[in-house]
């Protein structure tokens, strides 16, 4: 059991590192001289603006994932990993295998 928890912790930490690296990349300021504008023709500025707008959604999704990963790591440390945060019931092993950062059982997640 201890080895399994260590493997889960390692997996969660690796995913957290990846998410945080992606968030850091998205948070970088734009390069100097890259203006954003919407002209009469679709150009680089328009494409850049659209890309950044899409990245905002990706960033918000990554922030939610980051929170889930941090919560799952905290649950692992306090011994409540695998229990639903809402109802206290068990989270199905298949769910945890597919999405190790799950903190809600499938019923509560709906």
PDB file of N, CA and C in Angstrom:
ATOM      1  N   UNK A   1       0.824  -1.199   0.000  1.00  0.00           N
ATOM      2  CA  UNK A   1       0.000   0.000   0.000  1.00  0.00           C
ATOM      3  C   UNK A   1       0.866   1.261   0.000  1.00  0.00           C
ATOM      4  N   UNK A   2       1.947   1.248   0.811  1.00  0.00           N
ATOM      5  CA  UNK A   2       2.830   2.411   0.872  1.00  0.00           C
ATOM      6  C   UNK A   2       3.505   2.660  -0.476  1.00  0.00           C
ATOM      7  N   UNK A   3       3.884   1.569  -1.157  1.00  0.00           N
ATOM      8  CA  UNK A   3       4.510   1.723  -2.470  1.00  0.00           C
ATOM      9  C   UNK A   3       3.505   2.293  -3.473  1.00  0.00           C
ATOM     10  N   UNK A   4       2.262   1.823  -3.400  1.00  0.00           N
ATOM     11  CA  UNK A   4       1.229   2.322  -4.303  1.00  0.00           C
ATOM     12  C   UNK A   4       0.995   3.810  -4.054  1.00  0.00           C
ATOM     13  N   UNK A   5       0.958   4.219  -2.778  1.00  0.00           N
ATOM     14  CA  UNK A   5       0.769   5.636  -2.466  1.00  0.00           C
ATOM     15  C   UNK A   5       1.947   6.462  -2.965  1.00  0.00           C
ATOM     16  N   UNK A   6       3.142   5.929  -2.857  1.00  0.00           N
ATOM     17  CA  UNK A   6       4.328   6.634  -3.348  1.00  0.00           C
ATOM     18  C   UNK A   6       4.263   6.806  -4.859  1.00  0.00           C
ATOM     19  N   UNK A   7       3.790   5.781  -5.553  1.00  0.00           N
ATOM     20  CA  UNK A   7       3.649   5.877  -7.010  1.00  0.00           C
ATOM     21  C   UNK A   7       2.586   6.906  -7.383  1.00  0.00           C
ATOM     22  N   UNK A   8       1.482   6.904  -6.651  1.00  0.00           N
ATOM     23  CA  UNK A   8       0.412   7.882  -6.912  1.00  0.00           C
ATOM     24  C   UNK A   8       0.934   9.284  -6.657  1.00  0.00           C
ATOM     25  N   UNK A   9       1.651   9.457  -5.553  1.00  0.00           N
ATOM     26  CA  UNK A   9       2.207  10.765  -5.230  1.00  0.00           C
ATOM     27  C   UNK A   9       3.169  11.234  -6.317  1.00  0.00           C
ATOM     28  N   UNK A  10       4.015  10.327  -6.790  1.00  0.00           N
ATOM     29  CA  UNK A  10       4.963  10.667  -7.848  1.00  0.00           C
ATOM     30  C   UNK A  10       4.217  11.084  -9.118  1.00  0.00           C
ATOM     31  N   UNK A  11       3.173  10.346  -9.471  1.00  0.00           N
ATOM     32  CA  UNK A  11       2.378  10.673 -10.655  1.00  0.00           C
ATOM     33  C   UNK A  11       1.697  12.029 -10.505  1.00  0.00           C
ATOM     34  N   UNK A  12       1.085  12.268  -9.337  1.00  0.00           N
ATOM     35  CA  UNK A  12       0.403  13.545  -9.106  1.00  0.00           C
ATOM     36  C   UNK A  12       1.389  14.704  -9.147  1.00  0.00           C
ATOM     37  N   UNK A  13       2.546  14.534  -8.539  1.00  0.00           N
ATOM     38  CA  UNK A  13       3.551  15.607  -8.541  1.00  0.00           C
ATOM     39  C   UNK A  13       4.070  15.879  -9.957  1.00  0.00           C
ATOM     40  N   UNK A  14       4.261  14.826 -10.746  1.00  0.00           N
ATOM     41  CA  UNK A  14       4.714  15.010 -12.131  1.00  0.00           C
ATOM     42  C   UNK A  14       3.666  15.774 -12.932  1.00  0.00           C
ATOM     43  N   UNK A  15       2.412  15.405 -12.754  1.00  0.00           N
ATOM     44  CA  UNK A  15       1.343  16.127 -13.460  1.00  0.00           C
ATOM     45  C   UNK A  15       1.256  17.572 -12.992  1.00  0.00           C
ATOM     46  N   UNK A  16       1.411  17.789 -11.685  1.00  0.00           N
ATOM     47  CA  UNK A  16       1.378  19.143 -11.145  1.00  0.00           C
ATOM     48  C   UNK A  16       2.520  19.974 -11.715  1.00  0.00           C
ATOM     49  N   UNK A  17       3.705  19.413 -11.783  1.00  0.00           N
ATOM     50  CA  UNK A  17       4.846  20.122 -12.371  1.00  0.00           C
ATOM     51  C   UNK A  17       4.563  20.506 -13.821  1.00  0.00           C
ATOM     52  N   UNK A  18       3.975  19.568 -14.566  1.00  0.00           N
ATOM     53  CA  UNK A  18       3.652  19.831 -15.973  1.00  0.00           C
ATOM     54  C   UNK A  18       2.626  20.952 -16.106  1.00  0.00           C
ATOM     55  N   UNK A  19       1.588  20.904 -15.290  1.00  0.00           N
ATOM     56  CA  UNK A  19       0.545  21.935 -15.333  1.00  0.00           C
ATOM     57  C   UNK A  19       1.127  23.287 -14.958  1.00  0.00           C
ATOM     58  N   UNK A  20       1.935  23.319 -13.909  1.00  0.00           N
ATOM     59  CA  UNK A  20       2.528  24.587 -13.484  1.00  0.00           C
ATOM     60  C   UNK A  20       3.484  25.145 -14.534  1.00  0.00           C
ATOM     61  N   UNK A  21       4.201  24.283 -15.234  1.00  0.00           N
ATOM     62  CA  UNK A  21       5.087  24.744 -16.308  1.00  0.00           C
ATOM     63  C   UNK A  21       4.271  25.346 -17.451  1.00  0.00           C
ATOM     64  N   UNK A  22       3.151  24.701 -17.790  1.00  0.00           N
ATOM     65  CA  UNK A  22       2.292  25.233 -18.853  1.00  0.00           C
ATOM     66  C   UNK A  22       1.678  26.569 -18.436  1.00  0.00           C
ATOM     67  N   UNK A  23       1.274  26.676 -17.174  1.00  0.00           N
ATOM     68  CA  UNK A  23       0.720  27.941 -16.677  1.00  0.00           C
ATOM     69  C   UNK A  23       1.779  29.045 -16.715  1.00  0.00           C
ATOM     70  N   UNK A  24       2.999  28.719 -16.339  1.00  0.00           N
ATOM     71  CA  UNK A  24       4.084  29.703 -16.378  1.00  0.00           C
ATOM     72  C   UNK A  24       4.342  30.166 -17.802  1.00  0.00           C
ATOM     73  N   UNK A  25       4.262  29.255 -18.745  1.00  0.00           N
ATOM     74  CA  UNK A  25       4.459  29.613 -20.154  1.00  0.00           C
ATOM     75  C   UNK A  25       3.350  30.557 -20.630  1.00  0.00           C
ATOM     76  N   UNK A  26       2.119  30.264 -20.227  1.00  0.00           N
ATOM     77  CA  UNK A  26       0.995  31.117 -20.626  1.00  0.00           C
ATOM     78  C   UNK A  26       1.061  32.493 -19.965  1.00  0.00           C
ATOM     79  N   UNK A  27       1.684  32.560 -18.788  1.00  0.00           N
ATOM     80  CA  UNK A  27       1.746  33.817 -18.045  1.00  0.00           C
ATOM     81  C   UNK A  27       2.843  34.759 -18.534  1.00  0.00           C
ATOM     82  N   UNK A  28       3.729  34.260 -19.400  1.00  0.00           N
ATOM     83  CA  UNK A  28       4.801  35.105 -19.910  1.00  0.00           C
ATOM     84  C   UNK A  28       4.217  36.281 -20.684  1.00  0.00           C
ATOM     85  N   UNK A  29       4.796  37.458 -20.497  1.00  0.00           N
ATOM     86  CA  UNK A  29       4.314  38.612 -21.272  1.00  0.00           C
ATOM     87  C   UNK A  29       4.661  38.438 -22.746  1.00  0.00           C
ATOM     88  N   UNK A  30       3.894  39.077 -23.619  1.00  0.00           N
ATOM     89  CA  UNK A  30       4.199  38.971 -25.057  1.00  0.00           C
ATOM     90  C   UNK A  30       5.529  39.632 -25.374  1.00  0.00           C
ATOM     91  N   UNK A  31       6.119  39.173 -26.449  1.00  0.00           N
ATOM     92  CA  UNK A  31       7.384  39.753 -26.893  1.00  0.00           C
ATOM     93  C   UNK A  31       7.166  41.204 -27.277  1.00  0.00           C
ATOM     94  N   UNK A  32       8.188  42.003 -27.032  1.00  0.00           N
ATOM     95  CA  UNK A  32       8.112  43.418 -27.382  1.00  0.00           C
ATOM     96  C   UNK A  32       7.870  43.572 -28.879  1.00  0.00           C
ATOM     97  N   UNK A  33       7.004  44.480 -29.238  1.00  0.00           N
ATOM     98  CA  UNK A  33       6.736  44.755 -30.646  1.00  0.00           C
ATOM     99  C   UNK A  33       5.664  43.889 -31.263  1.00  0.00           C
ATOM    100  N   UNK A  34       5.057  43.018 -30.492  1.00  0.00           N
ATOM    101  CA  UNK A  34       3.979  42.195 -31.045  1.00  0.00           C
ATOM    102  C   UNK A  34       2.664  42.825 -30.644  1.00  0.00           C
ATOM    103  N   UNK A  35       2.215  43.730 -31.439  1.00  0.00           N
ATOM    104  CA  UNK A  35       0.955  44.408 -31.168  1.00  0.00           C
ATOM    105  C   UNK A  35      -0.227  43.544 -31.552  1.00  0.00           C
ATOM    106  N   UNK A  36      -1.326  43.789 -30.889  1.00  0.00           N
ATOM    107  CA  UNK A  36      -2.551  43.066 -31.208  1.00  0.00           C
ATOM    108  C   UNK A  36      -3.529  44.088 -31.765  1.00  0.00           C
ATOM    109  N   UNK A  37      -4.054  43.785 -32.920  1.00  0.00           N
ATOM    110  CA  UNK A  37      -5.020  44.690 -33.510  1.00  0.00           C
ATOM    111  C   UNK A  37      -5.970  43.950 -34.423  1.00  0.00           C
ATOM    112  N   UNK A  38      -7.123  44.522 -34.588  1.00  0.00           N
ATOM    113  CA  UNK A  38      -8.121  43.958 -35.488  1.00  0.00           C
ATOM    114  C   UNK A  38      -8.302  44.964 -36.625  1.00  0.00           C
ATOM    115  N   UNK A  39      -7.773  44.637 -37.772  1.00  0.00           N
ATOM    116  CA  UNK A  39      -7.916  45.506 -38.927  1.00  0.00           C
ATOM    117  C   UNK A  39      -9.020  44.994 -39.833  1.00  0.00           C
ATOM    118  N   UNK A  40      -9.053  45.535 -41.028  1.00  0.00           N
ATOM    119  CA  UNK A  40     -10.058  45.102 -41.995  1.00  0.00           C
ATOM    120  C   UNK A  40      -9.706  43.738 -42.570  1.00  0.00           C
ATOM    121  N   UNK A  41      -8.435  43.393 -42.540  1.00  0.00           N
ATOM    122  CA  UNK A  41      -8.004  42.088 -43.031  1.00  0.00           C
ATOM    123  C   UNK A  41      -7.498  41.272 -41.860  1.00  0.00           C
ATOM    124  N   UNK A  42      -7.687  39.979 -41.984  1.00  0.00           N
ATOM    125  CA  UNK A  42      -7.160  39.109 -40.938  1.00  0.00           C
ATOM    126  C   UNK A  42      -5.660  39.069 -41.104  1.00  0.00           C
ATOM    127  N   UNK A  43      -4.973  39.463 -40.066  1.00  0.00           N
ATOM    128  CA  UNK A  43      -3.519  39.480 -40.103  1.00  0.00           C
ATOM    129  C   UNK A  43      -2.949  38.852 -38.856  1.00  0.00           C
ATOM    130  N   UNK A  44      -1.650  39.001 -38.700  1.00  0.00           N
ATOM    131  CA  UNK A  44      -0.981  38.412 -37.550  1.00  0.00           C
ATOM    132  C   UNK A  44      -1.537  38.925 -36.231  1.00  0.00           C
ATOM    133  N   UNK A  45      -1.847  40.219 -36.162  1.00  0.00           N
ATOM    134  CA  UNK A  45      -2.386  40.780 -34.923  1.00  0.00           C
ATOM    135  C   UNK A  45      -3.706  40.142 -34.548  1.00  0.00           C
ATOM    136  N   UNK A  46      -4.563  39.949 -35.532  1.00  0.00           N
ATOM    137  CA  UNK A  46      -5.863  39.313 -35.278  1.00  0.00           C
ATOM    138  C   UNK A  46      -5.668  37.873 -34.841  1.00  0.00           C
ATOM    139  N   UNK A  47      -4.797  37.166 -35.541  1.00  0.00           N
ATOM    140  CA  UNK A  47      -4.526  35.781 -35.164  1.00  0.00           C
ATOM    141  C   UNK A  47      -3.969  35.694 -33.752  1.00  0.00           C
ATOM    142  N   UNK A  48      -3.066  36.614 -33.418  1.00  0.00           N
ATOM    143  CA  UNK A  48      -2.479  36.630 -32.072  1.00  0.00           C
ATOM    144  C   UNK A  48      -3.555  36.903 -31.023  1.00  0.00           C
ATOM    145  N   UNK A  49      -4.447  37.822 -31.298  1.00  0.00           N
ATOM    146  CA  UNK A  49      -5.517  38.131 -30.347  1.00  0.00           C
ATOM    147  C   UNK A  49      -6.425  36.928 -30.125  1.00  0.00           C
ATOM    148  N   UNK A  50      -6.755  36.240 -31.185  1.00  0.00           N
ATOM    149  CA  UNK A  50      -7.611  35.057 -31.081  1.00  0.00           C
ATOM    150  C   UNK A  50      -6.884  33.953 -30.309  1.00  0.00           C
ATOM    151  N   UNK A  51      -5.611  33.781 -30.599  1.00  0.00           N
ATOM    152  CA  UNK A  51      -4.818  32.775 -29.889  1.00  0.00           C
ATOM    153  C   UNK A  51      -4.782  33.079 -28.397  1.00  0.00           C
ATOM    154  N   UNK A  52      -4.566  34.320 -28.053  1.00  0.00           N
ATOM    155  CA  UNK A  52      -4.510  34.680 -26.629  1.00  0.00           C
ATOM    156  C   UNK A  52      -5.854  34.495 -25.952  1.00  0.00           C
ATOM    157  N   UNK A  53      -6.906  34.783 -26.642  1.00  0.00           N
ATOM    158  CA  UNK A  53      -8.239  34.582 -26.066  1.00  0.00           C
ATOM    159  C   UNK A  53      -8.463  33.090 -25.778  1.00  0.00           C
ATOM    160  N   UNK A  54      -8.049  32.246 -26.707  1.00  0.00           N
ATOM    161  CA  UNK A  54      -8.162  30.801 -26.497  1.00  0.00           C
ATOM    162  C   UNK A  54      -7.280  30.345 -25.333  1.00  0.00           C
ATOM    163  N   UNK A  55      -6.100  30.951 -25.214  1.00  0.00           N
ATOM    164  CA  UNK A  55      -5.177  30.580 -24.151  1.00  0.00           C
ATOM    165  C   UNK A  55      -5.739  30.923 -22.770  1.00  0.00           C
ATOM    166  N   UNK A  56      -6.575  31.934 -22.689  1.00  0.00           N
ATOM    167  CA  UNK A  56      -7.214  32.279 -21.415  1.00  0.00           C
ATOM    168  C   UNK A  56      -8.061  31.103 -20.936  1.00  0.00           C
ATOM    169  N   UNK A  57      -8.828  30.518 -21.850  1.00  0.00           N
ATOM    170  CA  UNK A  57      -9.640  29.354 -21.496  1.00  0.00           C
ATOM    171  C   UNK A  57      -8.780  28.174 -21.090  1.00  0.00           C
ATOM    172  N   UNK A  58      -7.703  27.960 -21.814  1.00  0.00           N
ATOM    173  CA  UNK A  58      -6.781  26.873 -21.480  1.00  0.00           C
ATOM    174  C   UNK A  58      -6.173  27.133 -20.102  1.00  0.00           C
ATOM    175  N   UNK A  59      -5.790  28.367 -19.847  1.00  0.00           N
ATOM    176  CA  UNK A  59      -5.193  28.724 -18.558  1.00  0.00           C
ATOM    177  C   UNK A  59      -6.148  28.477 -17.405  1.00  0.00           C
ATOM    178  N   UNK A  60      -7.406  28.843 -17.590  1.00  0.00           N
ATOM    179  CA  UNK A  60      -8.391  28.618 -16.526  1.00  0.00           C
ATOM    180  C   UNK A  60      -8.583  27.131 -16.273  1.00  0.00           C
ATOM    181  N   UNK A  61      -8.612  26.347 -17.332  1.00  0.00           N
ATOM    182  CA  UNK A  61      -8.733  24.901 -17.195  1.00  0.00           C
ATOM    183  C   UNK A  61      -7.514  24.322 -16.472  1.00  0.00           C
ATOM    184  N   UNK A  62      -6.337  24.816 -16.798  1.00  0.00           N
ATOM    185  CA  UNK A  62      -5.116  24.356 -16.136  1.00  0.00           C
ATOM    186  C   UNK A  62      -5.114  24.737 -14.660  1.00  0.00           C
ATOM    187  N   UNK A  63      -5.643  25.913 -14.336  1.00  0.00           N
ATOM    188  CA  UNK A  63      -5.713  26.328 -12.935  1.00  0.00           C
ATOM    189  C   UNK A  63      -6.631  25.397 -12.138  1.00  0.00           C
ATOM    190  N   UNK A  64      -7.743  24.996 -12.738  1.00  0.00           N
ATOM    191  CA  UNK A  64      -8.650  24.049 -12.076  1.00  0.00           C
ATOM    192  C   UNK A  64      -7.942  22.712 -11.869  1.00  0.00           C
ATOM    193  N   UNK A  65      -7.224  22.263 -12.882  1.00  0.00           N
ATOM    194  CA  UNK A  65      -6.479  21.012 -12.764  1.00  0.00           C
ATOM    195  C   UNK A  65      -5.409  21.122 -11.685  1.00  0.00           C
ATOM    196  N   UNK A  66      -4.744  22.252 -11.635  1.00  0.00           N
ATOM    197  CA  UNK A  66      -3.722  22.479 -10.605  1.00  0.00           C
ATOM    198  C   UNK A  66      -4.331  22.365  -9.209  1.00  0.00           C
ATOM    199  N   UNK A  67      -5.488  22.973  -9.010  1.00  0.00           N
ATOM    200  CA  UNK A  67      -6.167  22.897  -7.711  1.00  0.00           C
ATOM    201  C   UNK A  67      -6.534  21.461  -7.359  1.00  0.00           C
ATOM    202  N   UNK A  68      -7.033  20.711  -8.339  1.00  0.00           N
ATOM    203  CA  UNK A  68      -7.399  19.315  -8.098  1.00  0.00           C
ATOM    204  C   UNK A  68      -6.171  18.486  -7.731  1.00  0.00           C
ATOM    205  N   UNK A  69      -5.063  18.711  -8.438  1.00  0.00           N
ATOM    206  CA  UNK A  69      -3.839  17.972  -8.152  1.00  0.00           C
ATOM    207  C   UNK A  69      -3.330  18.293  -6.751  1.00  0.00           C
ATOM    208  N   UNK A  70      -3.356  19.568  -6.381  1.00  0.00           N
ATOM    209  CA  UNK A  70      -2.911  19.960  -5.046  1.00  0.00           C
ATOM    210  C   UNK A  70      -3.819  19.354  -3.975  1.00  0.00           C
ATOM    211  N   UNK A  71      -5.122  19.339  -4.239  1.00  0.00           N
ATOM    212  CA  UNK A  71      -6.064  18.752  -3.273  1.00  0.00           C
ATOM    213  C   UNK A  71      -5.819  17.244  -3.153  1.00  0.00           C
ATOM    214  N   UNK A  72      -5.613  16.564  -4.269  1.00  0.00           N
ATOM    215  CA  UNK A  72      -5.358  15.126  -4.238  1.00  0.00           C
ATOM    216  C   UNK A  72      -4.077  14.818  -3.460  1.00  0.00           C
ATOM    217  N   UNK A  73      -3.041  15.626  -3.640  1.00  0.00           N
ATOM    218  CA  UNK A  73      -1.802  15.432  -2.884  1.00  0.00           C
ATOM    219  C   UNK A  73      -2.031  15.645  -1.392  1.00  0.00           C
ATOM    220  N   UNK A  74      -2.833  16.648  -1.040  1.00  0.00           N
ATOM    221  CA  UNK A  74      -3.151  16.895   0.369  1.00  0.00           C
ATOM    222  C   UNK A  74      -3.929  15.719   0.960  1.00  0.00           C
ATOM    223  N   UNK A  75      -4.864  15.177   0.180  1.00  0.00           N
ATOM    224  CA  UNK A  75      -5.646  14.022   0.634  1.00  0.00           C
ATOM    225  C   UNK A  75      -4.745  12.799   0.819  1.00  0.00           C
ATOM    226  N   UNK A  76      -3.777  12.658  -0.060  1.00  0.00           N
ATOM    227  CA  UNK A  76      -2.830  11.551   0.052  1.00  0.00           C
ATOM    228  C   UNK A  76      -2.043  11.668   1.358  1.00  0.00           C
ATOM    229  N   UNK A  77      -1.632  12.883   1.672  1.00  0.00           N
ATOM    230  CA  UNK A  77      -0.862  13.121   2.891  1.00  0.00           C
ATOM    231  C   UNK A  77      -1.692  12.905   4.157  1.00  0.00           C
ATOM    232  N   UNK A  78      -2.982  13.292   4.125  1.00  0.00           N
ATOM    233  CA  UNK A  78      -3.794  13.158   5.341  1.00  0.00           C
ATOM    234  C   UNK A  78      -4.534  11.825   5.429  1.00  0.00           C
ATOM    235  N   UNK A  79      -4.333  10.975   4.422  1.00  0.00           N
ATOM    236  CA  UNK A  79      -4.915   9.641   4.474  1.00  0.00           C
ATOM    237  C   UNK A  79      -6.336   9.521   3.961  1.00  0.00           C
ATOM    238  N   UNK A  80      -6.856  10.595   3.344  1.00  0.00           N
ATOM    239  CA  UNK A  80      -8.234  10.541   2.838  1.00  0.00           C
ATOM    240  C   UNK A  80      -8.311  10.360   1.323  1.00  0.00           C
ATOM    241  N   UNK A  81      -7.166  10.092   0.682  1.00  0.00           N
ATOM    242  CA  UNK A  81      -7.158   9.884  -0.772  1.00  0.00           C
ATOM    243  C   UNK A  81      -8.031   8.682  -1.111  1.00  0.00           C
ATOM    244  N   UNK A  82      -8.866   8.846  -2.129  1.00  0.00           N
ATOM    245  CA  UNK A  82      -9.765   7.771  -2.539  1.00  0.00           C
ATOM    246  C   UNK A  82     -11.151   7.899  -1.925  1.00  0.00           C
ATOM    247  N   UNK A  83     -11.340   8.933  -1.090  1.00  0.00           N
ATOM    248  CA  UNK A  83     -12.647   9.212  -0.493  1.00  0.00           C
ATOM    249  C   UNK A  83     -13.172  10.504  -1.111  1.00  0.00           C
ATOM    250  N   UNK A  84     -14.447  10.526  -1.375  1.00  0.00           N
ATOM    251  CA  UNK A  84     -15.099  11.683  -1.994  1.00  0.00           C
ATOM    252  C   UNK A  84     -15.140  12.866  -1.026  1.00  0.00           C
ATOM    253  N   UNK A  85     -14.767  14.034  -1.511  1.00  0.00           N
ATOM    254  CA  UNK A  85     -14.809  15.252  -0.706  1.00  0.00           C
ATOM    255  C   UNK A  85     -16.238  15.658  -0.355  1.00  0.00           C
ATOM    256  N   UNK A  86     -17.182  15.314  -1.178  1.00  0.00           N
ATOM    257  CA  UNK A  86     -18.560  15.750  -0.950  1.00  0.00           C
ATOM    258  C   UNK A  86     -19.340  14.781  -0.056  1.00  0.00           C
ATOM    259  N   UNK A  87     -19.386  13.511  -0.422  1.00  0.00           N
ATOM    260  CA  UNK A  87     -20.228  12.551   0.309  1.00  0.00           C
ATOM    261  C   UNK A  87     -19.434  11.665   1.266  1.00  0.00           C
ATOM    262  N   UNK A  88     -18.115  11.639   1.131  1.00  0.00           N
ATOM    263  CA  UNK A  88     -17.286  10.815   1.997  1.00  0.00           C
ATOM    264  C   UNK A  88     -17.183   9.360   1.570  1.00  0.00           C
ATOM    265  N   UNK A  89     -17.914   8.996   0.525  1.00  0.00           N
ATOM    266  CA  UNK A  89     -17.877   7.629   0.031  1.00  0.00           C
ATOM    267  C   UNK A  89     -16.617   7.350  -0.760  1.00  0.00           C
ATOM    268  N   UNK A  90     -16.413   6.092  -1.108  1.00  0.00           N
ATOM    269  CA  UNK A  90     -15.215   5.738  -1.875  1.00  0.00           C
ATOM    270  C   UNK A  90     -15.313   6.211  -3.327  1.00  0.00           C
ATOM    271  N   UNK A  91     -14.169   6.567  -3.862  1.00  0.00           N
ATOM    272  CA  UNK A  91     -14.066   6.885  -5.290  1.00  0.00           C
ATOM    273  C   UNK A  91     -13.636   5.593  -5.968  1.00  0.00           C
ATOM    274  N   UNK A  92     -14.333   5.216  -7.021  1.00  0.00           N
ATOM    275  CA  UNK A  92     -14.060   3.955  -7.711  1.00  0.00           C
ATOM    276  C   UNK A  92     -12.594   3.877  -8.140  1.00  0.00           C
ATOM    277  N   UNK A  93     -11.952   2.744  -7.903  1.00  0.00           N
ATOM    278  CA  UNK A  93     -10.549   2.581  -8.302  1.00  0.00           C
ATOM    279  C   UNK A  93     -10.314   2.863  -9.789  1.00  0.00           C
ATOM    280  N   UNK A  94     -11.265   2.481 -10.642  1.00  0.00           N
ATOM    281  CA  UNK A  94     -11.103   2.746 -12.082  1.00  0.00           C
ATOM    282  C   UNK A  94     -11.080   4.249 -12.357  1.00  0.00           C
ATOM    283  N   UNK A  95     -11.870   5.000 -11.615  1.00  0.00           N
ATOM    284  CA  UNK A  95     -11.882   6.467 -11.772  1.00  0.00           C
ATOM    285  C   UNK A  95     -10.532   7.037 -11.348  1.00  0.00           C
ATOM    286  N   UNK A  96     -10.023   6.567 -10.213  1.00  0.00           N
ATOM    287  CA  UNK A  96      -8.730   7.059  -9.738  1.00  0.00           C
ATOM    288  C   UNK A  96      -7.601   6.654 -10.674  1.00  0.00           C
ATOM    289  N   UNK A  97      -7.726   5.500 -11.282  1.00  0.00           N
ATOM    290  CA  UNK A  97      -6.705   5.065 -12.236  1.00  0.00           C
ATOM    291  C   UNK A  97      -6.718   5.960 -13.476  1.00  0.00           C
ATOM    292  N   UNK A  98      -7.915   6.286 -13.932  1.00  0.00           N
ATOM    293  CA  UNK A  98      -8.050   7.127 -15.128  1.00  0.00           C
ATOM    294  C   UNK A  98      -7.710   8.584 -14.836  1.00  0.00           C
ATOM    295  N   UNK A  99      -8.165   9.078 -13.677  1.00  0.00           N
ATOM    296  CA  UNK A  99      -7.962  10.481 -13.305  1.00  0.00           C
ATOM    297  C   UNK A  99      -7.529  10.512 -11.834  1.00  0.00           C
ATOM    298  N   UNK A 100      -6.234  10.324 -11.577  1.00  0.00           N
ATOM    299  CA  UNK A 100      -5.760  10.216 -10.196  1.00  0.00           C
ATOM    300  C   UNK A 100      -6.051  11.438  -9.320  1.00  0.00           C
ATOM    301  N   UNK A 101      -6.280  12.585  -9.934  1.00  0.00           N
ATOM    302  CA  UNK A 101      -6.555  13.791  -9.152  1.00  0.00           C
ATOM    303  C   UNK A 101      -8.031  13.935  -8.769  1.00  0.00           C
ATOM    304  N   UNK A 102      -8.830  12.917  -9.059  1.00  0.00           N
ATOM    305  CA  UNK A 102     -10.252  12.970  -8.719  1.00  0.00           C
ATOM    306  C   UNK A 102     -10.427  13.072  -7.204  1.00  0.00           C
ATOM    307  N   UNK A 103     -11.256  14.021  -6.789  1.00  0.00           N
ATOM    308  CA  UNK A 103     -11.554  14.175  -5.362  1.00  0.00           C
ATOM    309  C   UNK A 103     -13.045  13.978  -5.099  1.00  0.00           C
ATOM    310  N   UNK A 104     -13.791  13.718  -6.172  1.00  0.00           N
ATOM    311  CA  UNK A 104     -15.225  13.450  -6.065  1.00  0.00           C
ATOM    312  C   UNK A 104     -15.536  12.097  -6.704  1.00  0.00           C
ATOM    313  N   UNK A 105     -16.475  11.373  -6.106  1.00  0.00           N
ATOM    314  CA  UNK A 105     -16.937  10.136  -6.723  1.00  0.00           C
ATOM    315  C   UNK A 105     -17.716  10.513  -7.978  1.00  0.00           C
ATOM    316  N   UNK A 106     -18.008   9.550  -8.806  1.00  0.00           N
ATOM    317  CA  UNK A 106     -18.667   9.832 -10.082  1.00  0.00           C
ATOM    318  C   UNK A 106     -20.046  10.437  -9.872  1.00  0.00           C
ATOM    319  N   UNK A 107     -20.778   9.982  -8.854  1.00  0.00           N
ATOM    320  CA  UNK A 107     -22.119  10.523  -8.596  1.00  0.00           C
ATOM    321  C   UNK A 107     -22.053  11.996  -8.200  1.00  0.00           C
ATOM    322  N   UNK A 108     -21.137  12.338  -7.301  1.00  0.00           N
ATOM    323  CA  UNK A 108     -21.008  13.724  -6.858  1.00  0.00           C
ATOM    324  C   UNK A 108     -20.421  14.625  -7.952  1.00  0.00           C
ATOM    325  N   UNK A 109     -19.608  14.058  -8.816  1.00  0.00           N
ATOM    326  CA  UNK A 109     -19.010  14.843  -9.904  1.00  0.00           C
ATOM    327  C   UNK A 109     -20.054  15.268 -10.942  1.00  0.00           C
ATOM    328  N   UNK A 110     -21.140  14.514 -11.027  1.00  0.00           N
ATOM    329  CA  UNK A 110     -22.177  14.852 -11.995  1.00  0.00           C
ATOM    330  C   UNK A 110     -22.856  16.076 -11.530  1.00  0.00           C
TER     331      UNK A 110
END
